[in-house]
Amino acid sequence: MPWTPDLSVGVEQIDSQHKLWFAKAEKLFEAGKEHRTKEYIGELLEFLDAYTKQHFHDEETYMLSIHYPEYAAQKQAHELFITQLAKLRSDYAASGGNLTVILSANQMVIDWLTKHISTMDKKIGKFAQTMK
């Protein structure tokens, strides 16, 4: 699931952070092919916890700086993702990375990368273009 130019938001900082997200997701899928998902999932969840919070902060700061009209919806989506991630981390800690947790992590990453970025985040870039 590589990052492709059609997923570009058009804001360098956001795009570069998204590319790192995709690289981590790609590692998750590679680990799955090599039957190492259980070992990698903990590392991925730790990365997502720290990196996602920073990315969301940066993205929200940018949206506020350009007076993005859909800021509240974005912030709500970010908060929901963080809540889902916290539950996933808790489930992982309790189960040691069983198949359900692995599948949930895969689905969460796929949904976020494909749906959120290609719909909500791209709107930020389109709005930013109108500001120039």
N, C-alpha and C. Protein backbone atom coordinates (compact mmCIF):
# COMPACT_ATOMS: atom_id res chain seq x y z
N MET A 1 0.84 -1.17 0.00
CA MET A 1 0.00 0.00 0.00
C MET A 1 0.89 1.24 0.00
N PRO A 2 1.53 1.52 -1.10
CA PRO A 2 2.45 2.66 -1.13
C PRO A 2 1.74 3.99 -1.26
N TRP A 3 2.41 5.04 -0.79
CA TRP A 3 1.92 6.41 -0.99
C TRP A 3 2.07 6.71 -2.47
N THR A 4 1.07 7.35 -3.03
CA THR A 4 1.13 7.74 -4.43
C THR A 4 0.82 9.23 -4.54
N PRO A 5 1.29 9.89 -5.58
CA PRO A 5 1.09 11.33 -5.72
C PRO A 5 -0.38 11.76 -5.68
N ASP A 6 -1.30 10.88 -6.08
CA ASP A 6 -2.71 11.27 -6.05
C ASP A 6 -3.23 11.42 -4.61
N LEU A 7 -2.45 10.96 -3.64
CA LEU A 7 -2.83 11.13 -2.23
C LEU A 7 -2.26 12.43 -1.65
N SER A 8 -1.53 13.15 -2.45
CA SER A 8 -0.93 14.40 -1.98
C SER A 8 -2.01 15.41 -1.59
N VAL A 9 -1.80 16.02 -0.45
CA VAL A 9 -2.69 17.07 0.02
C VAL A 9 -2.27 18.40 -0.62
N GLY A 10 -0.99 18.50 -0.95
CA GLY A 10 -0.49 19.74 -1.53
C GLY A 10 0.12 20.67 -0.51
N VAL A 11 0.28 20.17 0.71
CA VAL A 11 0.92 20.91 1.79
C VAL A 11 2.11 20.06 2.21
N GLU A 12 3.32 20.56 1.98
CA GLU A 12 4.53 19.76 2.12
C GLU A 12 4.64 19.05 3.48
N GLN A 13 4.42 19.79 4.56
CA GLN A 13 4.56 19.19 5.89
C GLN A 13 3.58 18.03 6.08
N ILE A 14 2.35 18.22 5.67
CA ILE A 14 1.34 17.17 5.82
C ILE A 14 1.69 15.98 4.93
N ASP A 15 2.07 16.25 3.68
CA ASP A 15 2.41 15.17 2.77
C ASP A 15 3.61 14.35 3.27
N SER A 16 4.63 15.01 3.77
CA SER A 16 5.80 14.27 4.23
C SER A 16 5.46 13.40 5.44
N GLN A 17 4.59 13.90 6.31
CA GLN A 17 4.16 13.09 7.45
C GLN A 17 3.31 11.91 6.98
N HIS A 18 2.44 12.14 6.01
CA HIS A 18 1.63 11.04 5.48
C HIS A 18 2.51 9.97 4.83
N LYS A 19 3.56 10.38 4.15
CA LYS A 19 4.46 9.41 3.52
C LYS A 19 5.08 8.49 4.56
N LEU A 20 5.43 9.04 5.71
CA LEU A 20 5.99 8.20 6.78
C LEU A 20 4.93 7.22 7.29
N TRP A 21 3.70 7.69 7.41
CA TRP A 21 2.59 6.82 7.79
C TRP A 21 2.50 5.63 6.84
N PHE A 22 2.53 5.93 5.54
CA PHE A 22 2.42 4.87 4.54
C PHE A 22 3.60 3.90 4.64
N ALA A 23 4.78 4.42 4.89
CA ALA A 23 5.95 3.55 5.03
C ALA A 23 5.77 2.59 6.19
N LYS A 24 5.24 3.08 7.30
CA LYS A 24 5.00 2.21 8.46
C LYS A 24 3.91 1.19 8.15
N ALA A 25 2.87 1.62 7.44
CA ALA A 25 1.81 0.69 7.07
C ALA A 25 2.35 -0.40 6.16
N GLU A 26 3.22 0.00 5.25
CA GLU A 26 3.83 -0.96 4.33
C GLU A 26 4.62 -2.01 5.11
N LYS A 27 5.31 -1.59 6.16
CA LYS A 27 6.06 -2.53 7.00
C LYS A 27 5.11 -3.51 7.69
N LEU A 28 3.94 -3.01 8.10
CA LEU A 28 2.96 -3.87 8.74
C LEU A 28 2.51 -4.97 7.76
N PHE A 29 2.23 -4.59 6.53
CA PHE A 29 1.79 -5.57 5.55
C PHE A 29 2.91 -6.54 5.18
N GLU A 30 4.14 -6.04 5.10
CA GLU A 30 5.28 -6.91 4.85
C GLU A 30 5.46 -7.90 6.00
N ALA A 31 5.30 -7.41 7.22
CA ALA A 31 5.42 -8.30 8.39
C ALA A 31 4.35 -9.39 8.32
N GLY A 32 3.17 -9.03 7.85
CA GLY A 32 2.10 -10.01 7.70
C GLY A 32 2.46 -11.10 6.70
N LYS A 33 3.05 -10.69 5.59
CA LYS A 33 3.45 -11.66 4.56
C LYS A 33 4.53 -12.60 5.10
N GLU A 34 5.35 -12.09 6.01
CA GLU A 34 6.45 -12.88 6.56
C GLU A 34 6.07 -13.54 7.89
N HIS A 35 4.79 -13.46 8.23
CA HIS A 35 4.27 -14.06 9.47
C HIS A 35 4.96 -13.48 10.71
N ARG A 36 5.28 -12.20 10.67
CA ARG A 36 5.91 -11.52 11.80
C ARG A 36 5.00 -10.41 12.36
N THR A 37 3.74 -10.43 11.98
CA THR A 37 2.84 -9.35 12.37
C THR A 37 2.75 -9.20 13.88
N LYS A 38 2.67 -10.32 14.58
CA LYS A 38 2.53 -10.27 16.04
C LYS A 38 3.70 -9.51 16.67
N GLU A 39 4.90 -9.68 16.12
CA GLU A 39 6.07 -8.99 16.66
C GLU A 39 6.06 -7.51 16.29
N TYR A 40 5.60 -7.20 15.09
CA TYR A 40 5.66 -5.82 14.60
C TYR A 40 4.53 -4.95 15.12
N ILE A 41 3.40 -5.54 15.46
CA ILE A 41 2.23 -4.76 15.81
C ILE A 41 2.47 -3.86 17.03
N GLY A 42 3.21 -4.34 18.00
CA GLY A 42 3.53 -3.53 19.17
C GLY A 42 4.34 -2.31 18.79
N GLU A 43 5.33 -2.51 17.94
CA GLU A 43 6.15 -1.40 17.46
C GLU A 43 5.30 -0.39 16.69
N LEU A 44 4.41 -0.90 15.84
CA LEU A 44 3.54 -0.01 15.07
C LEU A 44 2.62 0.80 15.98
N LEU A 45 2.05 0.16 16.97
CA LEU A 45 1.14 0.86 17.88
C LEU A 45 1.86 1.95 18.67
N GLU A 46 3.09 1.67 19.07
CA GLU A 46 3.87 2.70 19.78
C GLU A 46 4.17 3.87 18.86
N PHE A 47 4.57 3.57 17.62
CA PHE A 47 4.82 4.63 16.65
C PHE A 47 3.56 5.46 16.43
N LEU A 48 2.44 4.78 16.20
CA LEU A 48 1.19 5.50 15.93
C LEU A 48 0.80 6.39 17.09
N ASP A 49 0.98 5.91 18.30
CA ASP A 49 0.60 6.70 19.47
C ASP A 49 1.37 8.01 19.51
N ALA A 50 2.67 7.95 19.37
CA ALA A 50 3.49 9.17 19.44
C ALA A 50 3.37 10.01 18.18
N TYR A 51 3.53 9.38 17.04
CA TYR A 51 3.60 10.12 15.78
C TYR A 51 2.26 10.73 15.40
N THR A 52 1.19 9.97 15.62
CA THR A 52 -0.13 10.46 15.24
C THR A 52 -0.49 11.71 16.03
N LYS A 53 -0.20 11.70 17.30
CA LYS A 53 -0.51 12.88 18.11
C LYS A 53 0.25 14.10 17.60
N GLN A 54 1.52 13.92 17.25
CA GLN A 54 2.30 15.03 16.71
C GLN A 54 1.75 15.48 15.36
N HIS A 55 1.46 14.50 14.50
CA HIS A 55 0.92 14.82 13.18
C HIS A 55 -0.40 15.56 13.29
N PHE A 56 -1.29 15.07 14.14
CA PHE A 56 -2.59 15.73 14.29
C PHE A 56 -2.40 17.15 14.82
N HIS A 57 -1.49 17.32 15.76
CA HIS A 57 -1.21 18.66 16.29
C HIS A 57 -0.73 19.58 15.17
N ASP A 58 0.22 19.10 14.39
CA ASP A 58 0.76 19.90 13.28
C ASP A 58 -0.33 20.23 12.26
N GLU A 59 -1.13 19.24 11.92
CA GLU A 59 -2.18 19.44 10.94
C GLU A 59 -3.23 20.42 11.46
N GLU A 60 -3.60 20.27 12.72
CA GLU A 60 -4.60 21.18 13.31
C GLU A 60 -4.06 22.60 13.41
N THR A 61 -2.80 22.74 13.76
CA THR A 61 -2.18 24.07 13.82
C THR A 61 -2.21 24.72 12.44
N TYR A 62 -1.89 23.93 11.43
CA TYR A 62 -1.91 24.45 10.06
C TYR A 62 -3.34 24.87 9.68
N MET A 63 -4.31 24.02 9.97
CA MET A 63 -5.70 24.35 9.63
C MET A 63 -6.14 25.65 10.30
N LEU A 64 -5.77 25.81 11.55
CA LEU A 64 -6.13 27.05 12.25
C LEU A 64 -5.44 28.25 11.61
N SER A 65 -4.21 28.07 11.17
CA SER A 65 -3.46 29.18 10.58
C SER A 65 -4.07 29.68 9.27
N ILE A 66 -4.78 28.79 8.57
CA ILE A 66 -5.40 29.21 7.31
C ILE A 66 -6.92 29.39 7.47
N HIS A 67 -7.38 29.30 8.72
CA HIS A 67 -8.81 29.46 9.04
C HIS A 67 -9.66 28.46 8.26
N TYR A 68 -9.22 27.22 8.30
CA TYR A 68 -9.90 26.16 7.56
C TYR A 68 -11.31 25.96 8.12
N PRO A 69 -12.34 26.07 7.28
CA PRO A 69 -13.72 26.02 7.77
C PRO A 69 -14.18 24.66 8.30
N GLU A 70 -13.49 23.57 7.94
CA GLU A 70 -13.89 22.25 8.41
C GLU A 70 -12.98 21.73 9.52
N TYR A 71 -12.37 22.67 10.22
CA TYR A 71 -11.45 22.32 11.31
C TYR A 71 -12.13 21.43 12.35
N ALA A 72 -13.33 21.78 12.77
CA ALA A 72 -14.02 21.04 13.84
C ALA A 72 -14.24 19.58 13.44
N ALA A 73 -14.63 19.34 12.21
CA ALA A 73 -14.85 17.96 11.74
C ALA A 73 -13.53 17.19 11.72
N GLN A 74 -12.46 17.85 11.29
CA GLN A 74 -11.14 17.20 11.28
C GLN A 74 -10.70 16.87 12.70
N LYS A 75 -10.85 17.82 13.61
CA LYS A 75 -10.45 17.61 15.00
C LYS A 75 -11.22 16.44 15.59
N GLN A 76 -12.51 16.38 15.30
CA GLN A 76 -13.34 15.28 15.80
C GLN A 76 -12.86 13.94 15.24
N ALA A 77 -12.53 13.90 13.97
CA ALA A 77 -12.01 12.66 13.36
C ALA A 77 -10.68 12.27 14.01
N HIS A 78 -9.84 13.24 14.27
CA HIS A 78 -8.55 12.96 14.92
C HIS A 78 -8.78 12.39 16.32
N GLU A 79 -9.69 12.99 17.07
CA GLU A 79 -9.96 12.52 18.43
C GLU A 79 -10.52 11.09 18.42
N LEU A 80 -11.38 10.80 17.44
CA LEU A 80 -11.93 9.45 17.33
C LEU A 80 -10.82 8.45 17.03
N PHE A 81 -9.91 8.81 16.14
CA PHE A 81 -8.79 7.92 15.82
C PHE A 81 -7.95 7.66 17.06
N ILE A 82 -7.64 8.70 17.82
CA ILE A 82 -6.83 8.55 19.03
C ILE A 82 -7.54 7.65 20.04
N THR A 83 -8.86 7.78 20.16
CA THR A 83 -9.63 6.92 21.05
C THR A 83 -9.57 5.47 20.59
N GLN A 84 -9.74 5.26 19.28
CA GLN A 84 -9.67 3.90 18.73
C GLN A 84 -8.27 3.31 18.92
N LEU A 85 -7.27 4.13 18.73
CA LEU A 85 -5.90 3.68 18.91
C LEU A 85 -5.63 3.29 20.37
N ALA A 86 -6.13 4.07 21.31
CA ALA A 86 -5.95 3.76 22.73
C ALA A 86 -6.60 2.41 23.07
N LYS A 87 -7.79 2.17 22.51
CA LYS A 87 -8.46 0.89 22.75
C LYS A 87 -7.65 -0.25 22.14
N LEU A 88 -7.16 -0.04 20.94
CA LEU A 88 -6.36 -1.06 20.28
C LEU A 88 -5.09 -1.37 21.08
N ARG A 89 -4.46 -0.33 21.59
CA ARG A 89 -3.25 -0.55 22.41
C ARG A 89 -3.59 -1.32 23.67
N SER A 90 -4.72 -0.99 24.27
CA SER A 90 -5.17 -1.69 25.47
C SER A 90 -5.46 -3.16 25.16
N ASP A 91 -6.14 -3.40 24.05
CA ASP A 91 -6.45 -4.77 23.63
C ASP A 91 -5.15 -5.55 23.36
N TYR A 92 -4.20 -4.87 22.74
CA TYR A 92 -2.91 -5.52 22.45
C TYR A 92 -2.20 -5.89 23.75
N ALA A 93 -2.19 -4.98 24.70
CA ALA A 93 -1.52 -5.25 25.98
C ALA A 93 -2.19 -6.40 26.71
N ALA A 94 -3.52 -6.48 26.62
CA ALA A 94 -4.25 -7.53 27.32
C ALA A 94 -4.12 -8.89 26.64
N SER A 95 -4.04 -8.88 25.30
CA SER A 95 -4.06 -10.15 24.57
C SER A 95 -2.69 -10.62 24.11
N GLY A 96 -1.71 -9.72 24.12
CA GLY A 96 -0.40 -10.09 23.61
C GLY A 96 -0.34 -10.14 22.10
N GLY A 97 -1.31 -9.52 21.46
CA GLY A 97 -1.28 -9.46 20.00
C GLY A 97 -1.98 -10.62 19.32
N ASN A 98 -3.20 -10.94 19.77
CA ASN A 98 -3.91 -12.03 19.10
C ASN A 98 -4.41 -11.59 17.73
N LEU A 99 -4.97 -12.52 16.99
CA LEU A 99 -5.38 -12.28 15.61
C LEU A 99 -6.40 -11.15 15.50
N THR A 100 -7.32 -11.06 16.43
CA THR A 100 -8.33 -10.01 16.40
C THR A 100 -7.68 -8.63 16.47
N VAL A 101 -6.71 -8.47 17.34
CA VAL A 101 -6.01 -7.20 17.48
C VAL A 101 -5.24 -6.88 16.21
N ILE A 102 -4.60 -7.87 15.64
CA ILE A 102 -3.83 -7.67 14.41
C ILE A 102 -4.75 -7.24 13.27
N LEU A 103 -5.87 -7.93 13.13
CA LEU A 103 -6.83 -7.57 12.08
C LEU A 103 -7.41 -6.19 12.31
N SER A 104 -7.70 -5.85 13.55
CA SER A 104 -8.22 -4.52 13.87
C SER A 104 -7.21 -3.44 13.53
N ALA A 105 -5.96 -3.68 13.84
CA ALA A 105 -4.91 -2.71 13.52
C ALA A 105 -4.78 -2.54 12.02
N ASN A 106 -4.78 -3.64 11.29
CA ASN A 106 -4.71 -3.57 9.83
C ASN A 106 -5.86 -2.75 9.27
N GLN A 107 -7.06 -3.04 9.73
CA GLN A 107 -8.24 -2.35 9.21
C GLN A 107 -8.21 -0.86 9.56
N MET A 108 -7.81 -0.55 10.77
CA MET A 108 -7.75 0.84 11.20
C MET A 108 -6.75 1.63 10.34
N VAL A 109 -5.60 1.05 10.10
CA VAL A 109 -4.57 1.73 9.30
C VAL A 109 -5.06 1.91 7.87
N ILE A 110 -5.61 0.85 7.29
CA ILE A 110 -6.10 0.93 5.90
C ILE A 110 -7.19 1.99 5.79
N ASP A 111 -8.17 1.94 6.70
CA ASP A 111 -9.28 2.91 6.65
C ASP A 111 -8.76 4.33 6.75
N TRP A 112 -7.87 4.56 7.70
CA TRP A 112 -7.38 5.91 7.91
C TRP A 112 -6.60 6.41 6.69
N LEU A 113 -5.71 5.59 6.22
CA LEU A 113 -4.86 6.01 5.11
C LEU A 113 -5.64 6.20 3.82
N THR A 114 -6.58 5.34 3.57
CA THR A 114 -7.30 5.45 2.30
C THR A 114 -8.48 6.41 2.38
N LYS A 115 -9.25 6.31 3.42
CA LYS A 115 -10.47 7.13 3.50
C LYS A 115 -10.21 8.53 4.02
N HIS A 116 -9.57 8.64 5.15
CA HIS A 116 -9.40 9.96 5.76
C HIS A 116 -8.51 10.86 4.91
N ILE A 117 -7.38 10.35 4.51
CA ILE A 117 -6.45 11.19 3.74
C ILE A 117 -7.04 11.56 2.39
N SER A 118 -7.63 10.59 1.71
CA SER A 118 -8.13 10.87 0.36
C SER A 118 -9.40 11.70 0.34
N THR A 119 -10.09 11.79 1.46
CA THR A 119 -11.29 12.62 1.47
C THR A 119 -11.08 13.88 2.31
N MET A 120 -10.94 13.72 3.61
CA MET A 120 -10.88 14.88 4.50
C MET A 120 -9.60 15.70 4.33
N ASP A 121 -8.45 15.02 4.33
CA ASP A 121 -7.18 15.77 4.28
C ASP A 121 -6.97 16.47 2.94
N LYS A 122 -7.40 15.85 1.87
CA LYS A 122 -7.24 16.49 0.56
C LYS A 122 -8.00 17.81 0.49
N LYS A 123 -9.08 17.92 1.23
CA LYS A 123 -9.86 19.17 1.25
C LYS A 123 -9.04 20.31 1.86
N ILE A 124 -8.16 19.98 2.79
CA ILE A 124 -7.30 21.02 3.38
C ILE A 124 -6.45 21.64 2.28
N GLY A 125 -5.83 20.79 1.48
CA GLY A 125 -4.99 21.28 0.39
C GLY A 125 -5.77 22.10 -0.62
N LYS A 126 -6.96 21.65 -0.95
CA LYS A 126 -7.79 22.40 -1.90
C LYS A 126 -8.13 23.78 -1.34
N PHE A 127 -8.47 23.81 -0.05
CA PHE A 127 -8.78 25.10 0.56
C PHE A 127 -7.55 25.98 0.59
N ALA A 128 -6.40 25.40 0.93
CA ALA A 128 -5.15 26.18 1.00
C ALA A 128 -4.84 26.80 -0.36
N GLN A 129 -5.13 26.09 -1.44
CA GLN A 129 -4.89 26.63 -2.78
C GLN A 129 -5.72 27.88 -3.05
N THR A 130 -6.90 27.95 -2.48
CA THR A 130 -7.75 29.12 -2.69
C THR A 130 -7.21 30.35 -1.97
N MET A 131 -6.30 30.11 -1.01
CA MET A 131 -5.74 31.20 -0.21
C MET A 131 -4.61 31.91 -0.96
N LYS A 132 -4.08 31.29 -2.01
CA LYS A 132 -2.91 31.85 -2.70
C LYS A 132 -3.32 32.91 -3.69
